[in-house]
Amino acid sequence: MPRPRLPSPEYTPSSLPPNIILAKLSSPRGSGNWVCHSPDGIERLVEISTRVKRSKVILVKGDFTYVNLFPPGGKVVGEIIVVLEKNQVKGYKKSGEWPEEFDSLPPTNPQEPSPLIETSSLDISPEDDQPLHTSISDTT
């Protein structure tokens, strides 16, 4: 089943209003908040707008979005108002409207460990690699 679609405003990366930016989603932070990166390299904490939540669109690390920026003053600096589809991104790249800064960002790997877990603080020794359960055939 295809992803649900939102009616998107007629924005293009080259004709955005001053309070709306194009951003790449980096990592979820819980409660509908995401860390995103803008083409100028600034990392921001943004929330999902109610309209996007209700549309049941699934956000994935690496998606591109339009973010409506709030006035300065809090931790959350904006809200995700549109999630771009892959064909929209391809179209912008073909037309030359895509910011070159996004092409220089390293690709987002969903398999990389979370930066919230410090693996250096975990005490894992080689004997801990033993299986917790053994089957009946292993014990006879």
Protein backbone atom coordinates (compact mmCIF):
# COMPACT_ATOMS: atom_id res chain seq x y z
CA MET A 1 0.00 0.00 0.00
CA PRO A 2 1.50 3.39 -0.93
CA ARG A 3 2.22 6.03 1.66
CA PRO A 4 -0.67 8.41 2.39
CA ARG A 5 -0.25 11.74 0.65
CA LEU A 6 -0.73 15.20 2.04
CA PRO A 7 -1.90 18.03 -0.13
CA SER A 8 1.34 19.98 -0.41
CA PRO A 9 1.55 23.73 -0.79
CA GLU A 10 3.08 24.91 -4.02
CA TYR A 11 6.53 25.54 -2.59
CA THR A 12 9.79 24.89 -4.39
CA PRO A 13 13.23 25.00 -2.78
CA SER A 14 14.01 28.23 -4.65
CA SER A 15 10.75 30.04 -3.78
CA LEU A 16 10.26 29.44 -0.06
CA PRO A 17 8.87 32.15 2.23
CA PRO A 18 11.40 33.44 4.79
CA ASN A 19 9.88 31.48 7.70
CA ILE A 20 9.92 28.10 5.89
CA ILE A 21 13.06 26.02 5.30
CA LEU A 22 13.87 22.77 3.56
CA ALA A 23 15.34 20.24 6.01
CA LYS A 24 16.55 16.64 6.16
CA LEU A 25 15.29 14.56 9.09
CA SER A 26 18.11 13.17 11.17
CA SER A 27 16.79 11.36 14.24
CA PRO A 28 13.58 11.12 16.27
CA ARG A 29 13.66 12.49 19.82
CA GLY A 30 10.28 11.25 21.06
CA SER A 31 6.89 12.91 21.54
CA GLY A 32 6.69 13.84 17.87
CA ASN A 33 9.99 15.73 17.91
CA TRP A 34 12.77 15.28 15.33
CA VAL A 35 16.27 16.62 14.85
CA CYS A 36 16.71 17.97 11.34
CA HIS A 37 19.49 19.60 9.31
CA SER A 38 19.00 22.55 7.00
CA PRO A 39 21.13 23.20 3.89
CA ASP A 40 23.24 25.71 5.82
CA GLY A 41 24.28 22.95 8.26
CA ILE A 42 22.27 24.10 11.28
CA GLU A 43 20.80 21.33 13.42
CA ARG A 44 17.31 22.10 14.75
CA LEU A 45 14.73 20.38 16.96
CA VAL A 46 11.31 20.44 15.30
CA GLU A 47 7.91 18.91 16.00
CA ILE A 48 5.40 17.23 13.71
CA SER A 49 2.41 19.44 12.91
CA THR A 50 -1.05 18.18 13.80
CA ARG A 51 -1.97 18.06 10.12
CA VAL A 52 0.94 15.73 9.34
CA LYS A 53 0.15 13.55 12.40
CA ARG A 54 -3.48 13.16 11.37
CA SER A 55 -2.54 12.18 7.82
CA LYS A 56 -0.73 9.10 9.21
CA VAL A 57 2.35 9.81 7.09
CA ILE A 58 5.27 7.75 8.33
CA LEU A 59 8.41 9.80 8.88
CA VAL A 60 11.71 8.05 8.26
CA LYS A 61 15.25 9.14 9.01
CA GLY A 62 16.58 10.78 5.85
CA ASP A 63 13.24 12.18 4.62
CA PHE A 64 13.18 15.75 3.34
CA THR A 65 10.59 18.14 4.74
CA TYR A 66 9.46 21.74 4.75
CA VAL A 67 9.68 23.20 8.26
CA ASN A 68 7.77 26.28 9.41
CA LEU A 69 10.08 28.13 11.82
CA PHE A 70 8.74 29.61 15.08
CA PRO A 71 9.89 32.91 16.55
CA PRO A 72 13.08 32.40 18.62
CA GLY A 73 12.71 31.47 22.25
CA GLY A 74 12.33 27.74 22.90
CA LYS A 75 13.95 24.36 22.39
CA VAL A 76 11.57 23.40 19.59
CA VAL A 77 12.20 25.90 16.80
CA GLY A 78 9.66 24.83 14.18
CA GLU A 79 7.14 22.31 12.91
CA ILE A 80 7.15 19.90 9.99
CA ILE A 81 4.41 20.99 7.60
CA VAL A 82 5.16 18.95 4.45
CA VAL A 83 7.02 15.69 3.88
CA LEU A 84 8.53 15.54 0.40
CA GLU A 85 8.11 12.38 -1.62
CA LYS A 86 11.00 10.75 -3.45
CA ASN A 87 9.68 11.77 -6.87
CA GLN A 88 9.43 15.41 -5.74
CA VAL A 89 13.08 15.36 -4.66
CA LYS A 90 14.10 13.82 -8.00
CA GLY A 91 12.14 16.48 -9.87
CA TYR A 92 13.82 19.29 -7.93
CA LYS A 93 17.25 17.76 -8.60
CA LYS A 94 16.51 17.49 -12.34
CA SER A 95 15.28 21.08 -12.54
CA GLY A 96 18.36 22.36 -10.68
CA GLU A 97 16.40 23.79 -7.74
CA TRP A 98 17.81 21.32 -5.20
CA PRO A 99 20.32 22.82 -2.72
CA GLU A 100 23.80 21.45 -3.41
CA GLU A 101 24.50 21.38 0.33
CA PHE A 102 22.20 18.35 0.75
CA ASP A 103 24.24 16.40 -1.79
CA SER A 104 27.38 16.91 0.32
CA LEU A 105 25.75 15.61 3.54
CA PRO A 106 26.73 12.04 4.40
CA PRO A 107 23.94 9.53 3.74
CA THR A 108 21.81 8.65 6.73
CA ASN A 109 22.30 5.04 7.80
CA PRO A 110 19.33 3.64 9.74
CA GLN A 111 21.54 0.80 11.04
CA GLU A 112 24.04 3.06 12.82
CA PRO A 113 23.98 2.98 16.63
CA SER A 114 22.00 5.64 18.41
CA PRO A 115 24.07 8.54 19.78
CA LEU A 116 21.93 8.39 22.93
CA ILE A 117 23.54 5.11 24.03
CA GLU A 118 27.14 5.35 25.11
CA THR A 119 28.71 2.01 24.29
CA SER A 120 31.95 2.90 26.09
CA SER A 121 30.16 2.87 29.45
CA LEU A 122 28.83 -0.67 28.96
CA ASP A 123 30.88 -3.41 30.59
CA ILE A 124 30.83 -6.21 28.04
CA SER A 125 33.37 -8.95 28.39
CA PRO A 126 33.96 -11.90 26.00
CA GLU A 127 32.37 -14.41 28.38
CA ASP A 128 29.14 -12.40 28.22
CA ASP A 129 28.77 -13.50 24.60
CA GLN A 130 27.60 -16.96 25.71
CA PRO A 131 24.00 -17.80 24.75
CA LEU A 132 21.47 -17.33 27.53
CA HIS A 133 19.42 -20.39 26.58
CA THR A 134 20.60 -23.77 25.44
CA SER A 135 18.51 -26.29 23.59
CA ILE A 136 17.90 -29.80 24.91
CA SER A 137 20.17 -31.31 22.25
CA ASP A 138 23.09 -29.15 23.48
CA THR A 139 22.84 -30.45 27.05
CA THR A 140 22.77 -34.18 26.29
